[in-house]
Amino acid sequence: MNSDHLQLLMVAARYFPFMGGIQTHVHEVGRRFARNGIQVTLLTTVPPNLKNPLPKEEIVEGMRIIRVPAWPSQRDYYLAPEIYTLITRGKWDVMHCQGCHTFVPPLAMLAAREIKLPYVVTFHTGGHSSAFRNSIRNVQWRMQRPFFAHAAKLIGVSQFEANYFRSLLHLPAQQFSVIPNGVIFPESETTTPTERLLITSVGRLEKYKGHQHMIAALPYILEQRPDAHLLILGAGPYEKALRTLVDRLALTPYVEIRSVPASDRQGMAKLLAQSALVTLLSEYEAHPIAVIEALALQRPVLVADTSGLREIAEQGLARSISLKSTPEEIARAALQHIESSPTAPARFTLPTWDDCVQKLQDVYVSVARRELCVF
């Protein structure tokens, strides 16, 4: 079997218009699969009783999107019983679980095992603002080990992520692959920084993403560079707390908090290209798409010395700093990186979304031929 007319079911807890790295990944690979002749169905969830309801089923850039309700509406557990029913009643060649944080993936994998549908899993791990949720992550992954063990392929978006799960789950090395997120290389005219010193902190507005560290460092940056301006680029529940911090530090004239639609990668690229520095001081990232996009634009990047961010820094693509750093130390590191690295390294290779899609299609074809199946 080749990839033409292959019936692919992707399962993800959320999809656009909800924002997030998994949503972006699914959008970029899904529409490319459809262009390549794969019959793509995306099964996803929505909160019940949305103010502006989304279609239960629609075609988006060649992908068939099916949305089912998930409870509770204000939590990210995503209990969605229809997932099981729809999977067991459908006919696909391969299922791909995108993410593993919620109740959606184990329910999908349970259904796949029931009908002997081969499946692969991409972990797409991320942090959480809840200390309790972070503390039980290892337990959560170990509880899913029976499902992971029966996956035809387990995919990390970084070597860090693949190594972490291989060590935690004690599964065979050959069951794991590393397929990084891709990047869209923008048009050349978008790569012009502004005259003012624009620092952009990227990521969903959650406490663990670390935007507050850049806000706290900004007064010390302004002492050296009065023309500095901080753009917080994202959306999420931590916005009110960030705005409160900005007001308390009397930084309102120097800080802007805004977002762009998750599907508008060119719009994101234009904002990143205007930046003298892009930062992500997050507690946990597997392979952050916005950072990779900033590197593609040759913007200098400052990251926290954690998780997959450390891997990027060790490759010489970014500068890292400890999350235990004081605001003064963060400010000093930011200014030094801007002065010493006006652009990111020119000689490096970043994966494209087409690269990502080709590697995934190779996996799907092998799985559909039952070359990688474990039941």
Protein backbone atom coordinates (compact mmCIF):
# COMPACT_ATOMS: atom_id res chain seq x y z
CA MET A 1 0.00 0.00 0.00
CA ASN A 2 1.18 3.52 -0.79
CA SER A 3 -0.15 6.72 0.78
CA ASP A 4 -2.66 7.41 -2.02
CA HIS A 5 -6.21 6.85 -0.77
CA LEU A 6 -4.97 5.71 2.64
CA GLN A 7 -7.73 6.20 5.22
CA LEU A 8 -6.21 8.11 8.14
CA LEU A 9 -7.95 8.94 11.39
CA MET A 10 -6.28 11.62 13.49
CA VAL A 11 -7.52 12.13 17.04
CA ALA A 12 -6.79 15.33 18.95
CA ALA A 13 -8.43 16.78 22.05
CA ARG A 14 -8.76 20.21 20.43
CA TYR A 15 -8.44 21.81 16.99
CA PHE A 16 -8.76 25.34 15.63
CA PRO A 17 -10.09 27.85 16.50
CA PHE A 18 -8.65 26.77 19.87
CA MET A 19 -5.00 27.74 20.12
CA GLY A 20 -2.04 25.51 20.90
CA GLY A 21 0.96 23.70 19.51
CA ILE A 22 -0.91 20.44 18.86
CA GLN A 23 -3.63 22.32 16.98
CA THR A 24 -1.01 23.97 14.79
CA HIS A 25 0.74 20.65 14.15
CA VAL A 26 -2.53 18.92 13.19
CA HIS A 27 -3.48 21.77 10.88
CA GLU A 28 -0.14 21.86 9.08
CA VAL A 29 0.24 18.12 8.58
CA GLY A 30 -3.45 17.36 8.02
CA ARG A 31 -3.94 19.68 5.09
CA ARG A 32 -0.72 18.44 3.49
CA PHE A 33 -1.86 14.83 3.89
CA ALA A 34 -5.09 15.73 2.09
CA ARG A 35 -3.15 17.35 -0.76
CA ASN A 36 -1.07 14.19 -1.03
CA GLY A 37 -4.14 12.02 -1.58
CA ILE A 38 -4.63 10.68 1.95
CA GLN A 39 -8.26 10.55 3.11
CA VAL A 40 -8.00 12.44 6.40
CA THR A 41 -10.59 12.44 9.18
CA LEU A 42 -9.87 14.48 12.30
CA LEU A 43 -11.87 13.50 15.38
CA THR A 44 -11.77 16.21 18.02
CA THR A 45 -13.80 17.71 20.85
CA VAL A 46 -15.47 20.97 21.80
CA PRO A 47 -16.86 22.24 25.10
CA PRO A 48 -20.63 21.78 25.42
CA ASN A 49 -22.86 24.83 25.13
CA LEU A 50 -20.39 27.05 23.27
CA LYS A 51 -21.63 30.61 22.85
CA ASN A 52 -20.78 30.37 19.15
CA PRO A 53 -21.23 26.69 18.29
CA LEU A 54 -18.83 25.09 15.81
CA PRO A 55 -20.06 22.74 13.07
CA LYS A 56 -20.35 19.12 14.18
CA GLU A 57 -18.86 18.11 10.86
CA GLU A 58 -17.15 20.07 8.09
CA ILE A 59 -14.41 19.89 5.47
CA VAL A 60 -11.39 22.12 6.14
CA GLU A 61 -8.68 22.22 3.46
CA GLY A 62 -9.49 18.66 2.43
CA MET A 63 -9.75 17.29 5.98
CA ARG A 64 -13.01 15.95 7.30
CA ILE A 65 -13.44 17.41 10.80
CA ILE A 66 -15.78 15.67 13.27
CA ARG A 67 -16.39 17.42 16.60
CA VAL A 68 -17.96 15.79 19.66
CA PRO A 69 -18.73 17.38 23.04
CA ALA A 70 -16.34 16.88 25.96
CA TRP A 71 -16.93 17.48 29.66
CA PRO A 72 -16.44 19.34 31.94
CA SER A 73 -16.64 22.55 29.97
CA GLN A 74 -14.21 24.53 32.15
CA ARG A 75 -11.55 21.85 32.61
CA ASP A 76 -9.03 20.20 30.31
CA TYR A 77 -9.94 16.59 31.15
CA TYR A 78 -12.01 16.18 27.95
CA LEU A 79 -14.31 13.28 28.79
CA ALA A 80 -15.87 12.48 25.40
CA PRO A 81 -17.67 9.10 25.24
CA GLU A 82 -18.58 9.56 21.57
CA ILE A 83 -14.90 9.15 20.70
CA TYR A 84 -15.12 5.43 21.44
CA THR A 85 -18.37 4.93 19.54
CA LEU A 86 -17.25 6.75 16.41
CA ILE A 87 -13.94 4.92 16.23
CA THR A 88 -15.40 1.45 16.69
CA ARG A 89 -18.04 2.11 14.01
CA GLY A 90 -15.64 3.57 11.44
CA LYS A 91 -13.25 2.10 8.89
CA TRP A 92 -9.70 3.42 8.68
CA ASP A 93 -6.29 2.04 7.84
CA VAL A 94 -4.35 3.86 10.60
CA MET A 95 -5.18 6.00 13.63
CA HIS A 96 -2.83 8.72 14.87
CA CYS A 97 -3.32 10.06 18.42
CA GLN A 98 -1.99 13.59 18.59
CA GLY A 99 -1.12 14.22 22.24
CA CYS A 100 -1.48 12.16 25.39
CA HIS A 101 -2.52 14.56 28.17
CA THR A 102 -6.28 14.11 28.39
CA PHE A 103 -8.85 11.32 28.51
CA VAL A 104 -9.22 11.50 24.73
CA PRO A 105 -6.10 9.49 23.72
CA PRO A 106 -6.59 6.49 26.08
CA LEU A 107 -10.24 6.24 25.04
CA ALA A 108 -9.23 6.38 21.38
CA MET A 109 -6.52 3.75 21.88
CA LEU A 110 -8.96 1.50 23.74
CA ALA A 111 -11.39 1.74 20.82
CA ALA A 112 -8.61 1.05 18.31
CA ARG A 113 -7.54 -2.08 20.16
CA GLU A 114 -11.17 -3.25 20.25
CA ILE A 115 -11.40 -3.24 16.45
CA LYS A 116 -7.69 -4.07 15.88
CA LEU A 117 -7.06 -0.73 14.20
CA PRO A 118 -3.29 -0.06 14.18
CA TYR A 119 -2.32 3.23 15.75
CA VAL A 120 0.61 5.55 16.36
CA VAL A 121 1.00 8.19 19.06
CA THR A 122 2.83 11.51 19.03
CA PHE A 123 3.30 12.62 22.64
CA HIS A 124 3.32 16.43 22.18
CA THR A 125 3.97 16.88 25.88
CA GLY A 126 3.68 20.29 27.49
CA GLY A 127 3.71 21.89 30.89
CA HIS A 128 0.80 22.83 33.11
CA SER A 129 0.15 25.74 35.44
CA SER A 130 -1.14 23.37 38.13
CA ALA A 131 1.63 22.10 40.42
CA PHE A 132 -0.51 19.07 41.26
CA ARG A 133 -1.04 18.16 37.61
CA ASN A 134 2.71 18.45 37.01
CA SER A 135 3.44 16.26 40.03
CA ILE A 136 1.34 13.36 38.73
CA ARG A 137 2.56 13.45 35.12
CA ASN A 138 4.80 10.41 35.49
CA VAL A 139 1.98 8.45 37.09
CA GLN A 140 -0.34 9.53 34.27
CA TRP A 141 2.08 8.29 31.59
CA ARG A 142 2.74 5.00 33.39
CA MET A 143 -1.00 4.33 33.64
CA GLN A 144 -1.18 4.62 29.86
CA ARG A 145 1.76 2.26 29.33
CA PRO A 146 -0.46 -0.69 28.26
CA PHE A 147 -1.86 1.49 25.47
CA PHE A 148 1.54 2.88 24.50
CA ALA A 149 2.98 -0.65 24.46
CA HIS A 150 0.49 -1.67 21.76
CA ALA A 151 1.20 1.36 19.54
CA ALA A 152 2.85 0.59 16.23
CA LYS A 153 5.05 3.65 16.69
CA LEU A 154 5.63 6.17 19.49
CA ILE A 155 6.78 9.56 18.21
CA GLY A 156 8.60 12.30 20.06
CA VAL A 157 8.78 15.78 18.56
CA SER A 158 12.29 16.10 20.01
CA GLN A 159 15.04 13.73 21.07
CA PHE A 160 14.48 14.93 24.62
CA GLU A 161 10.84 13.81 24.53
CA ALA A 162 11.58 10.43 22.96
CA ASN A 163 14.37 9.72 25.47
CA TYR A 164 12.14 10.76 28.38
CA PHE A 165 9.34 8.34 27.46
CA ARG A 166 11.67 5.51 26.51
CA SER A 167 13.33 5.76 29.94
CA LEU A 168 10.04 6.15 31.81
CA LEU A 169 8.08 3.40 30.06
CA HIS A 170 10.89 0.87 29.48
CA LEU A 171 9.66 0.06 25.99
CA PRO A 172 11.85 -1.11 23.07
CA ALA A 173 13.97 1.56 21.43
CA GLN A 174 12.77 0.52 17.97
CA GLN A 175 9.22 1.46 18.94
CA PHE A 176 10.26 5.14 19.15
CA SER A 177 10.90 7.71 16.44
CA VAL A 178 11.73 11.41 16.49
CA ILE A 179 9.76 13.53 14.02
CA PRO A 180 10.10 17.24 14.86
CA ASN A 181 7.53 19.90 14.18
CA GLY A 182 8.10 21.79 10.97
CA VAL A 183 8.46 25.42 10.13
CA ILE A 184 7.06 27.66 7.44
CA PHE A 185 9.79 29.78 5.92
CA PRO A 186 8.25 33.23 5.41
CA GLU A 187 8.75 35.54 2.48
CA SER A 188 11.94 37.58 2.65
CA GLU A 189 10.17 40.91 3.00
CA THR A 190 8.82 39.90 6.41
CA THR A 191 12.28 39.69 7.99
CA THR A 192 12.93 43.32 8.95
CA PRO A 193 13.22 44.21 12.67
CA THR A 194 11.72 47.48 13.86
CA GLU A 195 13.84 50.47 14.78
CA ARG A 196 12.81 50.25 18.45
CA LEU A 197 14.09 47.41 20.62
CA LEU A 198 11.20 44.96 20.43
CA ILE A 199 11.39 41.88 22.66
CA THR A 200 8.69 39.28 22.04
CA SER A 201 7.73 36.67 24.62
CA VAL A 202 5.83 33.85 22.90
CA GLY A 203 3.44 31.20 24.14
CA ARG A 204 -0.03 30.60 25.47
CA LEU A 205 -0.86 32.80 28.46
CA GLU A 206 -0.33 30.23 31.20
CA LYS A 207 1.76 30.72 34.31
CA TYR A 208 4.21 27.95 33.41
CA LYS A 209 5.04 29.68 30.09
CA GLY A 210 7.02 32.30 32.04
CA HIS A 211 5.87 35.59 30.49
CA GLN A 212 5.93 37.09 33.99
CA HIS A 213 9.71 36.67 34.13
CA MET A 214 10.21 38.93 31.12
CA ILE A 215 7.80 41.52 32.54
CA ALA A 216 9.75 41.53 35.82
CA ALA A 217 13.03 41.94 33.89
CA LEU A 218 11.77 44.80 31.72
CA PRO A 219 12.50 47.68 34.19
CA TYR A 220 16.17 46.64 34.22
CA ILE A 221 16.21 46.42 30.43
CA LEU A 222 14.71 49.91 30.22
CA GLU A 223 17.54 51.28 32.36
CA GLN A 224 19.94 50.39 29.54
CA ARG A 225 17.57 50.67 26.59
CA PRO A 226 14.77 53.22 27.14
CA ASP A 227 13.48 52.36 23.66
CA ALA A 228 12.68 48.77 24.69
CA HIS A 229 9.17 47.43 24.24
CA LEU A 230 7.86 44.02 25.32
CA LEU A 231 5.25 42.18 23.24
CA ILE A 232 3.52 39.28 24.98
CA LEU A 233 2.26 37.20 22.09
CA GLY A 234 -0.41 34.70 23.07
CA ALA A 235 -3.83 34.16 24.61
CA GLY A 236 -5.02 32.24 27.65
CA PRO A 237 -6.29 32.32 31.22
CA TYR A 238 -3.21 33.98 32.75
CA GLU A 239 -3.78 37.25 30.88
CA LYS A 240 -5.43 39.05 33.82
CA ALA A 241 -2.55 38.22 36.15
CA LEU A 242 -0.02 39.44 33.58
CA ARG A 243 -1.86 42.72 33.08
CA THR A 244 -2.01 43.18 36.85
CA LEU A 245 1.76 42.72 37.06
CA VAL A 246 2.29 45.22 34.23
CA ASP A 247 0.15 47.80 36.05
CA ARG A 248 1.89 47.19 39.39
CA LEU A 249 5.30 47.78 37.82
CA ALA A 250 4.02 50.88 35.95
CA LEU A 251 4.99 49.34 32.61
CA THR A 252 1.79 49.92 30.66
CA PRO A 253 3.45 52.19 28.03
CA TYR A 254 6.11 49.56 27.40
CA VAL A 255 4.13 46.30 27.25
CA GLU A 256 1.57 45.04 24.75
CA ILE A 257 -0.36 41.79 25.19
CA ARG A 258 -2.02 40.46 22.05
CA SER A 259 -2.51 37.34 19.95
CA VAL A 260 -2.88 36.31 16.33
CA PRO A 261 -5.21 33.58 15.04
CA ALA A 262 -3.61 30.18 15.55
CA SER A 263 -3.86 29.37 11.84
CA ASP A 264 -2.16 32.60 10.74
CA ARG A 265 1.46 31.46 10.69
CA GLN A 266 2.46 34.22 8.25
CA GLY A 267 0.96 36.79 10.61
CA MET A 268 2.96 35.28 13.46
CA ALA A 269 6.09 35.32 11.30
CA LYS A 270 5.71 39.02 10.54
CA LEU A 271 5.54 39.86 14.26
CA LEU A 272 8.49 37.63 15.14
CA ALA A 273 10.54 39.11 12.31
CA GLN A 274 10.21 42.59 13.84
CA SER A 275 11.77 41.40 17.11
CA ALA A 276 15.29 42.11 18.30
CA LEU A 277 14.87 39.10 20.63
CA VAL A 278 12.33 36.28 20.99
CA THR A 279 11.98 34.64 24.40
CA LEU A 280 10.29 31.59 25.89
CA LEU A 281 11.08 31.17 29.60
CA SER A 282 8.82 28.16 29.99
CA GLU A 283 9.04 25.43 32.61
CA TYR A 284 8.42 22.72 30.00
CA GLU A 285 8.39 22.50 26.21
CA ALA A 286 8.94 19.50 23.98
CA HIS A 287 9.57 21.30 20.66
CA PRO A 288 8.02 24.81 20.60
CA ILE A 289 6.82 25.81 17.14
CA ALA A 290 7.08 29.57 17.73
CA VAL A 291 10.75 29.27 18.73
CA ILE A 292 11.53 27.23 15.61
CA GLU A 293 9.75 29.85 13.50
CA ALA A 294 11.80 32.61 15.16
CA LEU A 295 15.01 30.72 14.34
CA ALA A 296 13.87 30.35 10.73
CA LEU A 297 13.59 34.14 10.68
CA GLN A 298 17.14 34.34 12.09
CA ARG A 299 15.95 36.06 15.24
CA PRO A 300 18.09 35.59 18.38
CA VAL A 301 16.22 33.50 20.95
CA LEU A 302 16.49 33.32 24.75
CA VAL A 303 14.97 30.26 26.41
CA ALA A 304 14.75 28.67 29.84
CA ASP A 305 17.28 25.96 30.57
CA THR A 306 14.58 23.28 30.74
CA SER A 307 13.22 20.28 28.82
CA GLY A 308 13.29 20.50 25.02
CA LEU A 309 14.38 24.14 25.22
CA ARG A 310 17.72 23.00 26.62
CA GLU A 311 18.13 20.74 23.58
CA ILE A 312 17.71 23.74 21.25
CA ALA A 313 20.29 25.71 23.24
CA GLU A 314 22.74 22.79 23.25
CA GLN A 315 22.54 22.75 19.45
CA GLY A 316 23.82 26.33 19.51
CA LEU A 317 20.57 27.77 18.16
CA ALA A 318 19.53 29.75 21.24
CA ARG A 319 20.86 31.02 24.56
CA SER A 320 19.47 29.46 27.73
CA ILE A 321 19.13 30.80 31.25
CA SER A 322 18.11 29.20 34.53
CA LEU A 323 14.54 29.78 35.69
CA LYS A 324 16.03 30.56 39.10
CA SER A 325 17.63 33.70 37.62
CA THR A 326 16.71 37.06 39.11
CA PRO A 327 14.98 39.71 36.97
CA GLU A 328 18.30 41.58 36.78
CA GLU A 329 20.07 38.45 35.51
CA ILE A 330 17.37 37.84 32.90
CA ALA A 331 17.64 41.45 31.74
CA ARG A 332 21.42 41.17 31.50
CA ALA A 333 21.20 37.93 29.51
CA ALA A 334 18.60 39.40 27.16
CA LEU A 335 20.65 42.51 26.40
CA GLN A 336 23.88 40.55 26.01
CA HIS A 337 22.25 38.13 23.60
CA ILE A 338 20.83 40.99 21.52
CA GLU A 339 24.23 42.69 21.35
CA SER A 340 26.28 39.56 20.68
CA SER A 341 23.82 37.80 18.37
CA PRO A 342 21.89 40.29 16.24
CA THR A 343 20.68 37.29 14.24
CA ALA A 344 20.39 33.57 14.89
CA PRO A 345 23.11 31.31 13.43
CA ALA A 346 22.89 31.35 9.64
CA ARG A 347 24.18 27.84 9.02
CA PHE A 348 21.70 25.38 10.43
CA THR A 349 18.96 23.21 9.03
CA LEU A 350 15.42 23.33 10.35
CA PRO A 351 12.78 20.73 9.52
CA THR A 352 9.93 21.87 7.29
CA TRP A 353 6.33 20.71 7.55
CA ASP A 354 6.85 18.85 4.28
CA ASP A 355 9.72 16.94 5.93
CA CYS A 356 7.45 16.12 8.86
CA VAL A 357 4.64 14.95 6.57
CA GLN A 358 6.92 12.70 4.51
CA LYS A 359 8.25 10.96 7.62
CA LEU A 360 4.75 10.48 9.01
CA GLN A 361 3.48 9.11 5.70
CA ASP A 362 6.31 6.59 5.67
CA VAL A 363 5.20 5.46 9.13
CA TYR A 364 1.55 5.22 8.08
CA VAL A 365 2.33 3.11 5.02
CA SER A 366 4.41 0.70 7.11
CA VAL A 367 1.67 0.50 9.73
CA ALA A 368 -1.05 -0.06 7.15
CA ARG A 369 0.99 -2.94 5.74
CA ARG A 370 1.09 -4.36 9.28
CA GLU A 371 4.88 -4.04 9.31
CA LEU A 372 4.92 -2.23 12.66
CA CYS A 373 1.75 -3.47 14.35
CA VAL A 374 1.70 -4.66 17.95
CA PHE A 375 -1.48 -6.31 19.26
